[in-house]
mmCIF file of all heavy atoms, coordinates in Angstrom:
data_MODEL
# 
_entry.id   MODEL 
# 
loop_
_atom_site.group_PDB 
_atom_site.id 
_atom_site.type_symbol 
_atom_site.label_atom_id 
_atom_site.label_alt_id 
_atom_site.label_comp_id 
_atom_site.label_asym_id 
_atom_site.label_entity_id 
_atom_site.label_seq_id 
_atom_site.pdbx_PDB_ins_code 
_atom_site.Cartn_x 
_atom_site.Cartn_y 
_atom_site.Cartn_z 
_atom_site.occupancy 
_atom_site.B_iso_or_equiv 
_atom_site.pdbx_formal_charge 
_atom_site.auth_seq_id 
_atom_site.auth_comp_id 
_atom_site.auth_asym_id 
_atom_site.auth_atom_id 
_atom_site.pdbx_PDB_model_num 
ATOM 1   N N   . LYS A 1 1  ? 0.824  -1.210  0.000   1.00 0.00 ? 1  LYS A N   1 
ATOM 2   C CA  . LYS A 1 1  ? 0.000  0.000   0.000   1.00 0.00 ? 1  LYS A CA  1 
ATOM 3   C C   . LYS A 1 1  ? 0.855  1.255   0.000   1.00 0.00 ? 1  LYS A C   1 
ATOM 4   O O   . LYS A 1 1  ? 0.566  2.221   -0.714  1.00 0.00 ? 1  LYS A O   1 
ATOM 5   C CB  . LYS A 1 1  ? -0.925 -0.021  1.221   1.00 0.00 ? 1  LYS A CB  1 
ATOM 6   C CG  . LYS A 1 1  ? -1.816 1.199   1.344   1.00 0.00 ? 1  LYS A CG  1 
ATOM 7   C CD  . LYS A 1 1  ? -2.734 1.355   0.147   1.00 0.00 ? 1  LYS A CD  1 
ATOM 8   C CE  . LYS A 1 1  ? -3.619 2.575   0.290   1.00 0.00 ? 1  LYS A CE  1 
ATOM 9   N NZ  . LYS A 1 1  ? -4.475 2.774   -0.898  1.00 0.00 ? 1  LYS A NZ  1 
ATOM 10  N N   . ALA A 1 2  ? 1.925  1.256   0.801   1.00 0.00 ? 2  ALA A N   1 
ATOM 11  C CA  . ALA A 1 2  ? 2.820  2.419   0.832   1.00 0.00 ? 2  ALA A CA  1 
ATOM 12  C C   . ALA A 1 2  ? 3.477  2.637   -0.520  1.00 0.00 ? 2  ALA A C   1 
ATOM 13  O O   . ALA A 1 2  ? 3.653  3.771   -0.978  1.00 0.00 ? 2  ALA A O   1 
ATOM 14  C CB  . ALA A 1 2  ? 3.881  2.224   1.922   1.00 0.00 ? 2  ALA A CB  1 
ATOM 15  N N   . LEU A 1 3  ? 3.832  1.532   -1.180  1.00 0.00 ? 3  LEU A N   1 
ATOM 16  C CA  . LEU A 1 3  ? 4.459  1.619   -2.504  1.00 0.00 ? 3  LEU A CA  1 
ATOM 17  C C   . LEU A 1 3  ? 3.487  2.173   -3.535  1.00 0.00 ? 3  LEU A C   1 
ATOM 18  O O   . LEU A 1 3  ? 3.827  3.076   -4.317  1.00 0.00 ? 3  LEU A O   1 
ATOM 19  C CB  . LEU A 1 3  ? 4.946  0.231   -2.907  1.00 0.00 ? 3  LEU A CB  1 
ATOM 20  C CG  . LEU A 1 3  ? 5.859  0.064   -4.114  1.00 0.00 ? 3  LEU A CG  1 
ATOM 21  C CD1 . LEU A 1 3  ? 6.638  -1.239  -3.971  1.00 0.00 ? 3  LEU A CD1 1 
ATOM 22  C CD2 . LEU A 1 3  ? 5.054  0.005   -5.404  1.00 0.00 ? 3  LEU A CD2 1 
ATOM 23  N N   . SER A 1 4  ? 2.259  1.660   -3.544  1.00 0.00 ? 4  SER A N   1 
ATOM 24  C CA  . SER A 1 4  ? 1.281  2.112   -4.535  1.00 0.00 ? 4  SER A CA  1 
ATOM 25  C C   . SER A 1 4  ? 0.918  3.573   -4.331  1.00 0.00 ? 4  SER A C   1 
ATOM 26  O O   . SER A 1 4  ? 0.644  4.292   -5.295  1.00 0.00 ? 4  SER A O   1 
ATOM 27  C CB  . SER A 1 4  ? 0.017  1.250   -4.465  1.00 0.00 ? 4  SER A CB  1 
ATOM 28  O OG  . SER A 1 4  ? -0.649 1.419   -3.227  1.00 0.00 ? 4  SER A OG  1 
ATOM 29  N N   . SER A 1 5  ? 0.929  4.042   -3.076  1.00 0.00 ? 5  SER A N   1 
ATOM 30  C CA  . SER A 1 5  ? 0.605  5.452   -2.830  1.00 0.00 ? 5  SER A CA  1 
ATOM 31  C C   . SER A 1 5  ? 1.659  6.385   -3.412  1.00 0.00 ? 5  SER A C   1 
ATOM 32  O O   . SER A 1 5  ? 1.349  7.513   -3.805  1.00 0.00 ? 5  SER A O   1 
ATOM 33  C CB  . SER A 1 5  ? 0.458  5.698   -1.327  1.00 0.00 ? 5  SER A CB  1 
ATOM 34  O OG  . SER A 1 5  ? 1.696  5.526   -0.657  1.00 0.00 ? 5  SER A OG  1 
ATOM 35  N N   . GLN A 1 6  ? 2.923  5.921   -3.485  1.00 0.00 ? 6  GLN A N   1 
ATOM 36  C CA  . GLN A 1 6  ? 3.962  6.746   -4.093  1.00 0.00 ? 6  GLN A CA  1 
ATOM 37  C C   . GLN A 1 6  ? 3.735  6.904   -5.594  1.00 0.00 ? 6  GLN A C   1 
ATOM 38  O O   . GLN A 1 6  ? 4.001  7.964   -6.160  1.00 0.00 ? 6  GLN A O   1 
ATOM 39  C CB  . GLN A 1 6  ? 5.341  6.131   -3.833  1.00 0.00 ? 6  GLN A CB  1 
ATOM 40  C CG  . GLN A 1 6  ? 5.749  6.094   -2.381  1.00 0.00 ? 6  GLN A CG  1 
ATOM 41  C CD  . GLN A 1 6  ? 5.828  7.475   -1.768  1.00 0.00 ? 6  GLN A CD  1 
ATOM 42  O OE1 . GLN A 1 6  ? 6.245  8.445   -2.400  1.00 0.00 ? 6  GLN A OE1 1 
ATOM 43  N NE2 . GLN A 1 6  ? 5.397  7.585   -0.518  1.00 0.00 ? 6  GLN A NE2 1 
ATOM 44  N N   . TYR A 1 7  ? 3.221  5.856   -6.236  1.00 0.00 ? 7  TYR A N   1 
ATOM 45  C CA  . TYR A 1 7  ? 2.955  5.915   -7.668  1.00 0.00 ? 7  TYR A CA  1 
ATOM 46  C C   . TYR A 1 7  ? 1.654  6.654   -7.982  1.00 0.00 ? 7  TYR A C   1 
ATOM 47  O O   . TYR A 1 7  ? 1.606  7.496   -8.888  1.00 0.00 ? 7  TYR A O   1 
ATOM 48  C CB  . TYR A 1 7  ? 2.885  4.496   -8.246  1.00 0.00 ? 7  TYR A CB  1 
ATOM 49  C CG  . TYR A 1 7  ? 4.229  3.855   -8.503  1.00 0.00 ? 7  TYR A CG  1 
ATOM 50  C CD1 . TYR A 1 7  ? 4.750  2.918   -7.622  1.00 0.00 ? 7  TYR A CD1 1 
ATOM 51  C CD2 . TYR A 1 7  ? 4.981  4.188   -9.623  1.00 0.00 ? 7  TYR A CD2 1 
ATOM 52  C CE1 . TYR A 1 7  ? 5.979  2.320   -7.851  1.00 0.00 ? 7  TYR A CE1 1 
ATOM 53  C CE2 . TYR A 1 7  ? 6.212  3.600   -9.862  1.00 0.00 ? 7  TYR A CE2 1 
ATOM 54  C CZ  . TYR A 1 7  ? 6.703  2.664   -8.974  1.00 0.00 ? 7  TYR A CZ  1 
ATOM 55  O OH  . TYR A 1 7  ? 7.923  2.088   -9.203  1.00 0.00 ? 7  TYR A OH  1 
ATOM 56  N N   . LEU A 1 8  ? 0.596  6.346   -7.250  1.00 0.00 ? 8  LEU A N   1 
ATOM 57  C CA  . LEU A 1 8  ? -0.740 6.808   -7.623  1.00 0.00 ? 8  LEU A CA  1 
ATOM 58  C C   . LEU A 1 8  ? -1.135 8.122   -6.966  1.00 0.00 ? 8  LEU A C   1 
ATOM 59  O O   . LEU A 1 8  ? -1.947 8.868   -7.525  1.00 0.00 ? 8  LEU A O   1 
ATOM 60  C CB  . LEU A 1 8  ? -1.779 5.732   -7.257  1.00 0.00 ? 8  LEU A CB  1 
ATOM 61  C CG  . LEU A 1 8  ? -1.555 4.358   -7.885  1.00 0.00 ? 8  LEU A CG  1 
ATOM 62  C CD1 . LEU A 1 8  ? -2.619 3.379   -7.409  1.00 0.00 ? 8  LEU A CD1 1 
ATOM 63  C CD2 . LEU A 1 8  ? -1.557 4.458   -9.409  1.00 0.00 ? 8  LEU A CD2 1 
ATOM 64  N N   . GLU A 1 9  ? -0.590 8.427   -5.797  1.00 0.00 ? 9  GLU A N   1 
ATOM 65  C CA  . GLU A 1 9  ? -1.002 9.634   -5.072  1.00 0.00 ? 9  GLU A CA  1 
ATOM 66  C C   . GLU A 1 9  ? 0.112  10.684  -5.045  1.00 0.00 ? 9  GLU A C   1 
ATOM 67  O O   . GLU A 1 9  ? -0.058 11.783  -5.538  1.00 0.00 ? 9  GLU A O   1 
ATOM 68  C CB  . GLU A 1 9  ? -1.430 9.255   -3.646  1.00 0.00 ? 9  GLU A CB  1 
ATOM 69  C CG  . GLU A 1 9  ? -2.632 8.304   -3.615  1.00 0.00 ? 9  GLU A CG  1 
ATOM 70  C CD  . GLU A 1 9  ? -2.937 7.808   -2.215  1.00 0.00 ? 9  GLU A CD  1 
ATOM 71  O OE1 . GLU A 1 9  ? -2.391 8.373   -1.243  1.00 0.00 ? 9  GLU A OE1 1 
ATOM 72  O OE2 . GLU A 1 9  ? -3.729 6.853   -2.083  1.00 0.00 ? 9  GLU A OE2 1 
ATOM 73  N N   . ALA A 1 10 ? 1.253  10.315  -4.447  1.00 0.00 ? 10 ALA A N   1 
ATOM 74  C CA  . ALA A 1 10 ? 2.353  11.281  -4.363  1.00 0.00 ? 10 ALA A CA  1 
ATOM 75  C C   . ALA A 1 10 ? 3.056  11.482  -5.694  1.00 0.00 ? 10 ALA A C   1 
ATOM 76  O O   . ALA A 1 10 ? 3.720  12.505  -5.901  1.00 0.00 ? 10 ALA A O   1 
ATOM 77  C CB  . ALA A 1 10 ? 3.369  10.831  -3.316  1.00 0.00 ? 10 ALA A CB  1 
ATOM 78  N N   . GLN A 1 11 ? 2.934  10.515  -6.610  1.00 0.00 ? 11 GLN A N   1 
ATOM 79  C CA  . GLN A 1 11 ? 3.610  10.543  -7.911  1.00 0.00 ? 11 GLN A CA  1 
ATOM 80  C C   . GLN A 1 11 ? 5.120  10.718  -7.761  1.00 0.00 ? 11 GLN A C   1 
ATOM 81  O O   . GLN A 1 11 ? 5.774  11.371  -8.573  1.00 0.00 ? 11 GLN A O   1 
ATOM 82  C CB  . GLN A 1 11 ? 3.029  11.647  -8.796  1.00 0.00 ? 11 GLN A CB  1 
ATOM 83  C CG  . GLN A 1 11 ? 1.562  11.413  -9.159  1.00 0.00 ? 11 GLN A CG  1 
ATOM 84  C CD  . GLN A 1 11 ? 1.023  12.439  -10.128 1.00 0.00 ? 11 GLN A CD  1 
ATOM 85  O OE1 . GLN A 1 11 ? 1.685  13.428  -10.461 1.00 0.00 ? 11 GLN A OE1 1 
ATOM 86  N NE2 . GLN A 1 11 ? -0.191 12.207  -10.593 1.00 0.00 ? 11 GLN A NE2 1 
ATOM 87  N N   . ASN A 1 12 ? 5.644  10.099  -6.717  1.00 0.00 ? 12 ASN A N   1 
ATOM 88  C CA  . ASN A 1 12 ? 7.086  10.093  -6.486  1.00 0.00 ? 12 ASN A CA  1 
ATOM 89  C C   . ASN A 1 12 ? 7.615  8.756   -7.015  1.00 0.00 ? 12 ASN A C   1 
ATOM 90  O O   . ASN A 1 12 ? 7.832  7.802   -6.272  1.00 0.00 ? 12 ASN A O   1 
ATOM 91  C CB  . ASN A 1 12 ? 7.389  10.247  -4.993  1.00 0.00 ? 12 ASN A CB  1 
ATOM 92  C CG  . ASN A 1 12 ? 8.861  10.503  -4.717  1.00 0.00 ? 12 ASN A CG  1 
ATOM 93  O OD1 . ASN A 1 12 ? 9.717  10.192  -5.543  1.00 0.00 ? 12 ASN A OD1 1 
ATOM 94  N ND2 . ASN A 1 12 ? 9.151  11.070  -3.564  1.00 0.00 ? 12 ASN A ND2 1 
ATOM 95  N N   . TYR A 1 13 ? 7.818  8.698   -8.324  1.00 0.00 ? 13 TYR A N   1 
ATOM 96  C CA  . TYR A 1 13 ? 8.175  7.437   -8.969  1.00 0.00 ? 13 TYR A CA  1 
ATOM 97  C C   . TYR A 1 13 ? 9.543  6.908   -8.541  1.00 0.00 ? 13 TYR A C   1 
ATOM 98  O O   . TYR A 1 13 ? 9.697  5.689   -8.366  1.00 0.00 ? 13 TYR A O   1 
ATOM 99  C CB  . TYR A 1 13 ? 8.110  7.601   -10.488 1.00 0.00 ? 13 TYR A CB  1 
ATOM 100 C CG  . TYR A 1 13 ? 6.756  8.060   -10.975 1.00 0.00 ? 13 TYR A CG  1 
ATOM 101 C CD1 . TYR A 1 13 ? 6.605  9.300   -11.579 1.00 0.00 ? 13 TYR A CD1 1 
ATOM 102 C CD2 . TYR A 1 13 ? 5.622  7.267   -10.814 1.00 0.00 ? 13 TYR A CD2 1 
ATOM 103 C CE1 . TYR A 1 13 ? 5.358  9.743   -12.017 1.00 0.00 ? 13 TYR A CE1 1 
ATOM 104 C CE2 . TYR A 1 13 ? 4.381  7.686   -11.257 1.00 0.00 ? 13 TYR A CE2 1 
ATOM 105 C CZ  . TYR A 1 13 ? 4.252  8.938   -11.851 1.00 0.00 ? 13 TYR A CZ  1 
ATOM 106 O OH  . TYR A 1 13 ? 3.026  9.360   -12.265 1.00 0.00 ? 13 TYR A OH  1 
ATOM 107 N N   . PRO A 1 14 ? 10.555 7.736   -8.360  1.00 0.00 ? 14 PRO A N   1 
ATOM 108 C CA  . PRO A 1 14 ? 11.849 7.197   -7.911  1.00 0.00 ? 14 PRO A CA  1 
ATOM 109 C C   . PRO A 1 14 ? 11.772 6.535   -6.535  1.00 0.00 ? 14 PRO A C   1 
ATOM 110 O O   . PRO A 1 14 ? 12.321 5.454   -6.327  1.00 0.00 ? 14 PRO A O   1 
ATOM 111 C CB  . PRO A 1 14 ? 12.767 8.419   -7.905  1.00 0.00 ? 14 PRO A CB  1 
ATOM 112 C CG  . PRO A 1 14 ? 12.172 9.327   -8.930  1.00 0.00 ? 14 PRO A CG  1 
ATOM 113 C CD  . PRO A 1 14 ? 10.698 9.148   -8.785  1.00 0.00 ? 14 PRO A CD  1 
ATOM 114 N N   . LEU A 1 15 ? 11.080 7.183   -5.576  1.00 0.00 ? 15 LEU A N   1 
ATOM 115 C CA  . LEU A 1 15 ? 10.953 6.589   -4.249  1.00 0.00 ? 15 LEU A CA  1 
ATOM 116 C C   . LEU A 1 15 ? 10.124 5.311   -4.315  1.00 0.00 ? 15 LEU A C   1 
ATOM 117 O O   . LEU A 1 15 ? 10.471 4.293   -3.691  1.00 0.00 ? 15 LEU A O   1 
ATOM 118 C CB  . LEU A 1 15 ? 10.317 7.574   -3.271  1.00 0.00 ? 15 LEU A CB  1 
ATOM 119 C CG  . LEU A 1 15 ? 10.087 7.057   -1.847  1.00 0.00 ? 15 LEU A CG  1 
ATOM 120 C CD1 . LEU A 1 15 ? 11.387 6.577   -1.218  1.00 0.00 ? 15 LEU A CD1 1 
ATOM 121 C CD2 . LEU A 1 15 ? 9.429  8.134   -0.983  1.00 0.00 ? 15 LEU A CD2 1 
ATOM 122 N N   . GLY A 1 16 ? 9.033  5.326   -5.073  1.00 0.00 ? 16 GLY A N   1 
ATOM 123 C CA  . GLY A 1 16 ? 8.232  4.115   -5.234  1.00 0.00 ? 16 GLY A CA  1 
ATOM 124 C C   . GLY A 1 16 ? 9.034  2.993   -5.865  1.00 0.00 ? 16 GLY A C   1 
ATOM 125 O O   . GLY A 1 16 ? 8.903  1.822   -5.478  1.00 0.00 ? 16 GLY A O   1 
ATOM 126 N N   . SER A 1 17 ? 9.884  3.323   -6.828  1.00 0.00 ? 17 SER A N   1 
ATOM 127 C CA  . SER A 1 17 ? 10.720 2.305   -7.469  1.00 0.00 ? 17 SER A CA  1 
ATOM 128 C C   . SER A 1 17 ? 11.736 1.740   -6.494  1.00 0.00 ? 17 SER A C   1 
ATOM 129 O O   . SER A 1 17 ? 12.004 0.529   -6.488  1.00 0.00 ? 17 SER A O   1 
ATOM 130 C CB  . SER A 1 17 ? 11.427 2.905   -8.685  1.00 0.00 ? 17 SER A CB  1 
ATOM 131 O OG  . SER A 1 17 ? 10.496 3.349   -9.652  1.00 0.00 ? 17 SER A OG  1 
ATOM 132 N N   . ALA A 1 18 ? 12.335 2.596   -5.666  1.00 0.00 ? 18 ALA A N   1 
ATOM 133 C CA  . ALA A 1 18 ? 13.295 2.116   -4.667  1.00 0.00 ? 18 ALA A CA  1 
ATOM 134 C C   . ALA A 1 18 ? 12.610 1.181   -3.679  1.00 0.00 ? 18 ALA A C   1 
ATOM 135 O O   . ALA A 1 18 ? 13.168 0.144   -3.300  1.00 0.00 ? 18 ALA A O   1 
ATOM 136 C CB  . ALA A 1 18 ? 13.926 3.296   -3.933  1.00 0.00 ? 18 ALA A CB  1 
ATOM 137 N N   . MET A 1 19 ? 11.397 1.508   -3.266  1.00 0.00 ? 19 MET A N   1 
ATOM 138 C CA  . MET A 1 19 ? 10.654 0.638   -2.365  1.00 0.00 ? 19 MET A CA  1 
ATOM 139 C C   . MET A 1 19 ? 10.333 -0.689  -3.043  1.00 0.00 ? 19 MET A C   1 
ATOM 140 O O   . MET A 1 19 ? 10.396 -1.751  -2.412  1.00 0.00 ? 19 MET A O   1 
ATOM 141 C CB  . MET A 1 19 ? 9.378  1.340   -1.904  1.00 0.00 ? 19 MET A CB  1 
ATOM 142 C CG  . MET A 1 19 ? 9.641  2.583   -1.053  1.00 0.00 ? 19 MET A CG  1 
ATOM 143 S SD  . MET A 1 19 ? 8.188  3.634   -0.844  1.00 0.00 ? 19 MET A SD  1 
ATOM 144 C CE  . MET A 1 19 ? 7.106  2.547   0.063   1.00 0.00 ? 19 MET A CE  1 
ATOM 145 N N   . ALA A 1 20 ? 9.996  -0.637  -4.325  1.00 0.00 ? 20 ALA A N   1 
ATOM 146 C CA  . ALA A 1 20 ? 9.714  -1.868  -5.075  1.00 0.00 ? 20 ALA A CA  1 
ATOM 147 C C   . ALA A 1 20 ? 10.954 -2.738  -5.172  1.00 0.00 ? 20 ALA A C   1 
ATOM 148 O O   . ALA A 1 20 ? 10.869 -3.975  -5.062  1.00 0.00 ? 20 ALA A O   1 
ATOM 149 C CB  . ALA A 1 20 ? 9.190  -1.525  -6.466  1.00 0.00 ? 20 ALA A CB  1 
ATOM 150 N N   . VAL A 1 21 ? 12.116 -2.137  -5.371  1.00 0.00 ? 21 VAL A N   1 
ATOM 151 C CA  . VAL A 1 21 ? 13.363 -2.909  -5.456  1.00 0.00 ? 21 VAL A CA  1 
ATOM 152 C C   . VAL A 1 21 ? 13.660 -3.583  -4.122  1.00 0.00 ? 21 VAL A C   1 
ATOM 153 O O   . VAL A 1 21 ? 14.114 -4.742  -4.083  1.00 0.00 ? 21 VAL A O   1 
ATOM 154 C CB  . VAL A 1 21 ? 14.523 -1.995  -5.887  1.00 0.00 ? 21 VAL A CB  1 
ATOM 155 C CG1 . VAL A 1 21 ? 15.858 -2.733  -5.775  1.00 0.00 ? 21 VAL A CG1 1 
ATOM 156 C CG2 . VAL A 1 21 ? 14.325 -1.514  -7.320  1.00 0.00 ? 21 VAL A CG2 1 
ATOM 157 N N   . LEU A 1 22 ? 13.396 -2.895  -3.009  1.00 0.00 ? 22 LEU A N   1 
ATOM 158 C CA  . LEU A 1 22 ? 13.616 -3.508  -1.695  1.00 0.00 ? 22 LEU A CA  1 
ATOM 159 C C   . LEU A 1 22 ? 12.703 -4.717  -1.497  1.00 0.00 ? 22 LEU A C   1 
ATOM 160 O O   . LEU A 1 22 ? 13.131 -5.744  -0.968  1.00 0.00 ? 22 LEU A O   1 
ATOM 161 C CB  . LEU A 1 22 ? 13.368 -2.475  -0.592  1.00 0.00 ? 22 LEU A CB  1 
ATOM 162 C CG  . LEU A 1 22 ? 14.382 -1.329  -0.496  1.00 0.00 ? 22 LEU A CG  1 
ATOM 163 C CD1 . LEU A 1 22 ? 14.005 -0.391  0.648   1.00 0.00 ? 22 LEU A CD1 1 
ATOM 164 C CD2 . LEU A 1 22 ? 15.789 -1.864  -0.285  1.00 0.00 ? 22 LEU A CD2 1 
ATOM 165 N N   . VAL A 1 23 ? 11.450 -4.592  -1.928  1.00 0.00 ? 23 VAL A N   1 
ATOM 166 C CA  . VAL A 1 23 ? 10.524 -5.721  -1.812  1.00 0.00 ? 23 VAL A CA  1 
ATOM 167 C C   . VAL A 1 23 ? 10.996 -6.879  -2.692  1.00 0.00 ? 23 VAL A C   1 
ATOM 168 O O   . VAL A 1 23 ? 10.978 -8.050  -2.276  1.00 0.00 ? 23 VAL A O   1 
ATOM 169 C CB  . VAL A 1 23 ? 9.094  -5.297  -2.204  1.00 0.00 ? 23 VAL A CB  1 
ATOM 170 C CG1 . VAL A 1 23 ? 8.169  -6.506  -2.254  1.00 0.00 ? 23 VAL A CG1 1 
ATOM 171 C CG2 . VAL A 1 23 ? 8.560  -4.272  -1.216  1.00 0.00 ? 23 VAL A CG2 1 
ATOM 172 N N   . LEU A 1 24 ? 11.444 -6.569  -3.923  1.00 0.00 ? 24 LEU A N   1 
ATOM 173 C CA  . LEU A 1 24 ? 11.953 -7.613  -4.816  1.00 0.00 ? 24 LEU A CA  1 
ATOM 174 C C   . LEU A 1 24 ? 13.182 -8.292  -4.230  1.00 0.00 ? 24 LEU A C   1 
ATOM 175 O O   . LEU A 1 24 ? 13.364 -9.511  -4.367  1.00 0.00 ? 24 LEU A O   1 
ATOM 176 C CB  . LEU A 1 24 ? 12.273 -7.016  -6.184  1.00 0.00 ? 24 LEU A CB  1 
ATOM 177 C CG  . LEU A 1 24 ? 11.074 -6.600  -7.045  1.00 0.00 ? 24 LEU A CG  1 
ATOM 178 C CD1 . LEU A 1 24 ? 11.545 -5.868  -8.294  1.00 0.00 ? 24 LEU A CD1 1 
ATOM 179 C CD2 . LEU A 1 24 ? 10.251 -7.818  -7.424  1.00 0.00 ? 24 LEU A CD2 1 
ATOM 180 N N   . ALA A 1 25 ? 14.033 -7.507  -3.580  1.00 0.00 ? 25 ALA A N   1 
ATOM 181 C CA  . ALA A 1 25 ? 15.226 -8.090  -2.950  1.00 0.00 ? 25 ALA A CA  1 
ATOM 182 C C   . ALA A 1 25 ? 14.822 -9.033  -1.820  1.00 0.00 ? 25 ALA A C   1 
ATOM 183 O O   . ALA A 1 25 ? 15.414 -10.112 -1.652  1.00 0.00 ? 25 ALA A O   1 
ATOM 184 C CB  . ALA A 1 25 ? 16.132 -6.983  -2.418  1.00 0.00 ? 25 ALA A CB  1 
ATOM 185 N N   . ALA A 1 26 ? 13.817 -8.645  -1.034  1.00 0.00 ? 26 ALA A N   1 
ATOM 186 C CA  . ALA A 1 26 ? 13.336 -9.520  0.036   1.00 0.00 ? 26 ALA A CA  1 
ATOM 187 C C   . ALA A 1 26 ? 12.744 -10.795 -0.531  1.00 0.00 ? 26 ALA A C   1 
ATOM 188 O O   . ALA A 1 26 ? 12.977 -11.889 -0.002  1.00 0.00 ? 26 ALA A O   1 
ATOM 189 C CB  . ALA A 1 26 ? 12.303 -8.781  0.889   1.00 0.00 ? 26 ALA A CB  1 
# 
């Protein structure tokens, strides 16, 4: 949910992408 809010609400794509990479690494 925190990741999707960066893309859909805050439109902070770099931060959302970094969060996505951390999830993928996990």
